[in-house]
Amino acid sequence: MEPWLMQIFDIYLLEALINGILLGGVLALLALGLNLIFGVIDVVWICYAELIMIGMYAIYFLFTVYHLPFPLAALIAVAAVGALGALLHYLVIEPLLNAAPINQLLATGGVLFFLQSAATVAFGIDFRNAGIRLPVLNVAEMYISYARLLAFGAALVAMVVVYLFLTRTYIGTAIRAIAQDRQIMPLMGVDSRRVYFVTSAVGGALAGLAATLLVLQYDVHPFVGLSFGPITFMICVLGGLGNMIGGFVAAFIFAEIISLGGLYSDLEWGYVLAFAFFIVMMFVRPQGLLARRS
């Protein structure tokens, strides 16, 4: 291989690795909310990505139709999706806390199809774009999206804030305690019902934040959740359901596989390789890369 060709190849490879890291930050944020909910409440929200879809629609209409400044539209969307997460817990999850896991999965699956159908009826199947055009950073012949840089930075800040919330506040300490032992903590005076409610609201708010970051890069339509739901669930499973550190690690592994697959073939093959890696790992470590703490 000619030296100049090798140099270009190295630049492309480095660009793919950097884009994989940036994508990993967003995927880690997606998994953070779902892992938080499962780790505390022990219920997998199959409909979690549809909350993101609702958040993306909220930002789209607030920004493009009602012409609110994007930061204000984002704050309203985060608060609205957080409230939706709390409402979902109150109406669907709380009555099924003691039910069989399959009933919980079917219930949240029903919410998934309800939200998809409601969005289809209300907004149609058109792809809508918020029309926000952020520049592309050109460094040493590498092209890096400002939108992904912004999303990566916001995702890291959000994860630090969640960590501080869980470790420095009373309700955060109660959330971690409930996650470790659901039977003993209520006997010690912890209001588990309140903890579950707050956890669902925080998980919903994280979905709203993810929507804020994704609407900068993707069109919104009723089935956009299908683009993020399966990969988010697989990240959580690969990292160990309920294990936030494991989900963080798994998100970057998936992101690099997808990015490098897109470099050597195309983006669709990147996802195929990521799914194949997940299947293999379920044979090798079915409990996940980092098993959930007991």
Protein backbone atom coordinates (compact mmCIF):
# COMPACT_ATOMS: atom_id res chain seq x y z
CA MET A 1 0.00 0.00 0.00
CA GLU A 2 1.32 3.45 -0.95
CA PRO A 3 2.32 5.69 2.01
CA TRP A 4 -0.16 8.42 1.04
CA LEU A 5 -2.94 5.85 0.80
CA MET A 6 -2.02 4.43 4.20
CA GLN A 7 -2.11 7.94 5.65
CA ILE A 8 -5.61 8.57 4.31
CA PHE A 9 -6.70 5.15 5.56
CA ASP A 10 -5.41 6.00 9.03
CA ILE A 11 -7.31 9.28 8.99
CA TYR A 12 -10.52 7.53 8.02
CA LEU A 13 -9.97 4.92 10.72
CA LEU A 14 -9.32 7.59 13.35
CA GLU A 15 -12.41 9.48 12.21
CA ALA A 16 -14.50 6.32 12.56
CA LEU A 17 -13.11 5.67 16.05
CA ILE A 18 -13.88 9.24 17.14
CA ASN A 19 -17.40 9.06 15.73
CA GLY A 20 -17.85 5.76 17.53
CA ILE A 21 -16.91 7.40 20.82
CA LEU A 22 -19.36 10.25 20.19
CA LEU A 23 -22.12 7.80 19.28
CA GLY A 24 -21.30 5.78 22.40
CA GLY A 25 -22.04 8.77 24.62
CA VAL A 26 -25.55 9.07 23.20
CA LEU A 27 -26.20 5.32 23.41
CA ALA A 28 -24.95 5.32 27.01
CA LEU A 29 -27.46 8.04 27.85
CA LEU A 30 -30.26 6.02 26.24
CA ALA A 31 -29.29 2.98 28.31
CA LEU A 32 -28.85 4.99 31.52
CA GLY A 33 -32.54 5.76 31.93
CA LEU A 34 -33.65 2.22 31.16
CA ASN A 35 -31.02 0.70 33.47
CA LEU A 36 -32.00 3.08 36.27
CA ILE A 37 -35.63 2.03 36.02
CA PHE A 38 -34.86 -1.68 35.88
CA GLY A 39 -32.25 -1.52 38.64
CA VAL A 40 -34.70 0.09 41.05
CA ILE A 41 -38.17 -1.07 40.02
CA ASP A 42 -37.13 -4.39 38.40
CA VAL A 43 -39.38 -3.77 35.40
CA VAL A 44 -38.13 -3.43 31.81
CA TRP A 45 -39.97 -0.69 29.95
CA ILE A 46 -40.24 -2.07 26.44
CA CYS A 47 -41.85 1.24 25.49
CA TYR A 48 -38.89 3.37 26.66
CA ALA A 49 -37.85 4.40 23.14
CA GLU A 50 -41.40 5.58 22.44
CA LEU A 51 -41.03 8.10 25.27
CA ILE A 52 -38.06 9.43 23.31
CA MET A 53 -40.26 9.64 20.22
CA ILE A 54 -42.84 11.69 22.14
CA GLY A 55 -40.07 13.99 23.33
CA MET A 56 -38.80 14.49 19.79
CA TYR A 57 -42.30 15.42 18.60
CA ALA A 58 -42.67 17.85 21.52
CA ILE A 59 -39.43 19.63 20.62
CA TYR A 60 -40.31 19.67 16.92
CA PHE A 61 -43.66 21.38 17.46
CA LEU A 62 -42.46 23.75 20.19
CA PHE A 63 -39.50 24.86 18.07
CA THR A 64 -40.86 24.86 14.50
CA VAL A 65 -44.58 25.57 15.04
CA TYR A 66 -44.67 27.69 18.20
CA HIS A 67 -41.20 29.18 17.56
CA LEU A 68 -39.91 28.81 21.09
CA PRO A 69 -36.13 29.07 21.54
CA PHE A 70 -34.59 25.63 21.27
CA PRO A 71 -33.22 25.57 24.86
CA LEU A 72 -36.68 26.45 26.23
CA ALA A 73 -38.33 23.85 23.98
CA ALA A 74 -35.81 21.28 25.20
CA LEU A 75 -36.48 22.09 28.87
CA ILE A 76 -40.24 21.79 28.37
CA ALA A 77 -39.81 18.48 26.54
CA VAL A 78 -37.57 17.04 29.27
CA ALA A 79 -40.10 18.04 31.95
CA ALA A 80 -43.04 16.74 29.89
CA VAL A 81 -41.45 13.35 29.19
CA GLY A 82 -40.43 13.10 32.85
CA ALA A 83 -44.07 13.67 33.81
CA LEU A 84 -45.11 11.09 31.21
CA GLY A 85 -42.72 8.58 32.78
CA ALA A 86 -44.25 9.21 36.21
CA LEU A 87 -47.77 8.88 34.74
CA LEU A 88 -46.81 5.62 33.03
CA HIS A 89 -45.61 4.25 36.35
CA TYR A 90 -48.79 5.33 38.14
CA LEU A 91 -51.21 3.94 35.53
CA VAL A 92 -49.40 0.85 34.21
CA ILE A 93 -46.40 -0.21 36.29
CA GLU A 94 -47.58 0.26 39.88
CA PRO A 95 -50.66 -2.01 39.51
CA LEU A 96 -48.36 -4.73 38.08
CA LEU A 97 -45.41 -4.54 40.49
CA ASN A 98 -46.30 -7.89 42.03
CA ALA A 99 -47.41 -9.48 38.77
CA ALA A 100 -45.42 -11.99 36.73
CA PRO A 101 -42.61 -10.46 34.63
CA ILE A 102 -44.32 -11.56 31.41
CA ASN A 103 -47.39 -9.53 32.38
CA GLN A 104 -45.20 -6.47 32.95
CA LEU A 105 -43.51 -6.94 29.57
CA LEU A 106 -46.86 -7.35 27.81
CA ALA A 107 -48.24 -4.24 29.51
CA THR A 108 -45.30 -2.03 28.51
CA GLY A 109 -45.39 -3.61 25.05
CA GLY A 110 -49.02 -2.57 24.84
CA VAL A 111 -48.02 0.99 25.76
CA LEU A 112 -45.43 0.85 22.94
CA PHE A 113 -48.05 0.05 20.31
CA PHE A 114 -50.50 2.55 21.84
CA LEU A 115 -47.99 5.40 21.63
CA GLN A 116 -46.97 4.45 18.08
CA SER A 117 -50.58 4.28 16.93
CA ALA A 118 -51.53 7.51 18.71
CA ALA A 119 -48.60 9.33 17.09
CA THR A 120 -49.55 7.93 13.68
CA VAL A 121 -53.15 9.12 14.03
CA ALA A 122 -52.16 12.51 15.43
CA PHE A 123 -49.17 13.36 13.24
CA GLY A 124 -49.29 10.99 10.27
CA ILE A 125 -46.33 8.99 9.00
CA ASP A 126 -44.43 11.92 7.49
CA PHE A 127 -40.79 12.38 8.41
CA ARG A 128 -40.37 15.77 10.10
CA ASN A 129 -37.11 17.63 10.58
CA ALA A 130 -36.56 20.41 13.09
CA GLY A 131 -34.37 22.18 10.53
CA ILE A 132 -31.47 22.82 12.88
CA ARG A 133 -28.26 22.84 10.84
CA LEU A 134 -25.13 22.68 12.97
CA PRO A 135 -21.72 23.00 11.29
CA VAL A 136 -19.28 20.17 10.76
CA LEU A 137 -15.87 20.39 12.38
CA ASN A 138 -12.97 19.78 9.98
CA VAL A 139 -9.78 18.72 11.78
CA ALA A 140 -6.85 17.18 9.86
CA GLU A 141 -9.15 16.08 7.02
CA MET A 142 -11.54 14.45 9.50
CA TYR A 143 -15.18 15.55 9.56
CA ILE A 144 -16.85 15.52 12.96
CA SER A 145 -20.44 16.59 13.51
CA TYR A 146 -21.03 19.41 15.99
CA ALA A 147 -24.40 17.80 16.71
CA ARG A 148 -22.67 14.62 17.85
CA LEU A 149 -20.12 16.59 19.84
CA LEU A 150 -22.93 18.47 21.57
CA ALA A 151 -24.84 15.25 22.21
CA PHE A 152 -21.74 13.55 23.59
CA GLY A 153 -20.98 16.44 25.94
CA ALA A 154 -24.57 16.70 27.14
CA ALA A 155 -24.71 12.93 27.68
CA LEU A 156 -21.57 13.00 29.83
CA VAL A 157 -22.90 15.92 31.88
CA ALA A 158 -26.22 14.13 32.36
CA MET A 159 -24.49 10.97 33.56
CA VAL A 160 -22.40 12.95 36.05
CA VAL A 161 -25.52 14.75 37.31
CA VAL A 162 -27.34 11.42 37.75
CA TYR A 163 -24.32 10.03 39.61
CA LEU A 164 -24.26 13.03 41.95
CA PHE A 165 -28.03 12.77 42.42
CA LEU A 166 -27.74 9.11 43.39
CA THR A 167 -24.79 9.63 45.74
CA ARG A 168 -25.31 13.09 47.26
CA THR A 169 -29.06 13.36 47.89
CA TYR A 170 -31.39 11.60 50.32
CA ILE A 171 -33.77 10.36 47.63
CA GLY A 172 -30.80 9.23 45.52
CA THR A 173 -29.42 7.24 48.46
CA ALA A 174 -32.88 5.72 48.96
CA ILE A 175 -32.98 4.77 45.27
CA ARG A 176 -29.63 2.96 45.55
CA ALA A 177 -30.72 1.26 48.75
CA ILE A 178 -33.98 0.04 47.21
CA ALA A 179 -32.05 -1.26 44.21
CA GLN A 180 -29.85 -3.36 46.51
CA ASP A 181 -32.62 -4.78 48.73
CA ARG A 182 -36.29 -4.18 47.98
CA GLN A 183 -37.56 -6.22 50.91
CA ILE A 184 -35.52 -4.78 53.78
CA MET A 185 -35.57 -1.06 52.96
CA PRO A 186 -39.35 -0.55 53.46
CA LEU A 187 -38.93 -2.06 56.94
CA MET A 188 -36.35 0.66 57.66
CA GLY A 189 -38.80 3.46 56.89
CA VAL A 190 -38.05 4.03 53.20
CA ASP A 191 -41.20 4.86 51.21
CA SER A 192 -40.66 2.50 48.29
CA ARG A 193 -43.74 3.81 46.47
CA ARG A 194 -42.30 7.34 46.44
CA VAL A 195 -38.87 6.06 45.40
CA TYR A 196 -40.37 4.14 42.46
CA PHE A 197 -42.35 7.20 41.41
CA VAL A 198 -39.29 9.47 41.47
CA THR A 199 -37.21 6.87 39.62
CA SER A 200 -39.79 6.68 36.83
CA ALA A 201 -39.85 10.46 36.56
CA VAL A 202 -36.04 10.66 36.39
CA GLY A 203 -35.95 7.85 33.82
CA GLY A 204 -38.55 9.69 31.76
CA ALA A 205 -36.59 12.94 32.01
CA LEU A 206 -33.50 11.14 30.71
CA ALA A 207 -35.59 9.93 27.76
CA GLY A 208 -36.60 13.57 27.19
CA LEU A 209 -32.96 14.64 27.26
CA ALA A 210 -32.10 11.89 24.77
CA ALA A 211 -34.90 13.21 22.53
CA THR A 212 -33.35 16.68 22.70
CA LEU A 213 -30.02 15.32 21.48
CA LEU A 214 -31.44 13.00 18.83
CA VAL A 215 -33.73 15.59 17.24
CA LEU A 216 -30.59 17.49 16.23
CA GLN A 217 -29.50 14.53 14.11
CA TYR A 218 -32.57 12.54 13.05
CA ASP A 219 -36.02 13.08 11.57
CA VAL A 220 -38.96 12.37 13.84
CA HIS A 221 -41.78 10.01 12.86
CA PRO A 222 -44.06 7.60 14.77
CA PHE A 223 -41.67 4.66 14.38
CA VAL A 224 -38.40 6.40 15.21
CA GLY A 225 -38.36 4.46 18.49
CA LEU A 226 -37.71 1.28 16.52
CA SER A 227 -34.35 2.77 15.50
CA PHE A 228 -33.21 3.12 19.11
CA GLY A 229 -35.30 0.70 21.19
CA PRO A 230 -33.66 -2.62 20.21
CA ILE A 231 -30.09 -1.31 20.43
CA THR A 232 -30.81 0.32 23.82
CA PHE A 233 -32.28 -2.90 25.20
CA MET A 234 -29.32 -4.94 23.93
CA ILE A 235 -26.87 -2.51 25.52
CA CYS A 236 -28.63 -2.92 28.86
CA VAL A 237 -28.65 -6.71 28.57
CA LEU A 238 -25.02 -6.90 27.45
CA GLY A 239 -23.91 -4.66 30.32
CA GLY A 240 -26.02 -6.60 32.83
CA LEU A 241 -29.60 -5.41 33.35
CA GLY A 242 -29.65 -2.77 36.07
CA ASN A 243 -25.87 -2.26 36.01
CA MET A 244 -25.23 1.34 34.93
CA ILE A 245 -21.45 0.94 34.62
CA GLY A 246 -21.94 -2.19 32.52
CA GLY A 247 -24.39 -0.34 30.30
CA PHE A 248 -21.88 2.49 29.89
CA VAL A 249 -19.17 0.05 28.77
CA ALA A 250 -21.51 -1.89 26.48
CA ALA A 251 -22.72 1.34 24.81
CA PHE A 252 -19.20 2.23 23.68
CA ILE A 253 -18.50 -1.33 22.51
CA PHE A 254 -21.65 -1.31 20.37
CA ALA A 255 -20.92 2.19 19.09
CA GLU A 256 -17.40 1.29 17.94
CA ILE A 257 -18.62 -1.89 16.21
CA ILE A 258 -21.29 0.11 14.38
CA SER A 259 -18.88 2.89 13.42
CA LEU A 260 -16.11 0.57 12.22
CA GLY A 261 -18.63 -1.57 10.35
CA GLY A 262 -19.81 1.59 8.59
CA LEU A 263 -16.20 2.41 7.69
CA TYR A 264 -15.39 -0.93 6.03
CA SER A 265 -18.82 -1.57 4.55
CA ASP A 266 -21.91 0.54 5.30
CA LEU A 267 -23.90 1.58 8.37
CA GLU A 268 -26.45 -1.21 8.00
CA TRP A 269 -23.68 -3.81 8.14
CA GLY A 270 -22.36 -2.05 11.23
CA TYR A 271 -25.65 -2.77 12.98
CA VAL A 272 -25.65 -6.34 11.67
CA LEU A 273 -22.18 -6.88 13.19
CA ALA A 274 -23.32 -5.33 16.47
CA PHE A 275 -26.33 -7.65 16.64
CA ALA A 276 -24.13 -10.66 15.78
CA PHE A 277 -21.69 -9.67 18.54
CA PHE A 278 -24.59 -9.48 20.98
CA ILE A 279 -25.79 -12.99 20.06
CA VAL A 280 -22.30 -14.44 20.50
CA MET A 281 -21.87 -12.71 23.85
CA MET A 282 -25.16 -14.13 25.10
CA PHE A 283 -23.62 -17.58 24.65
CA VAL A 284 -20.31 -16.56 26.23
CA ARG A 285 -21.64 -14.39 29.08
CA PRO A 286 -25.42 -14.68 29.28
CA GLN A 287 -25.43 -12.67 32.54
CA GLY A 288 -23.82 -9.71 30.76
CA LEU A 289 -20.34 -8.23 30.69
CA LEU A 290 -20.75 -6.90 34.22
CA ALA A 291 -23.36 -8.91 36.09
CA ARG A 292 -25.79 -6.92 38.14
CA ARG A 293 -24.66 -6.44 41.70
CA SER A 294 -26.43 -8.47 44.31
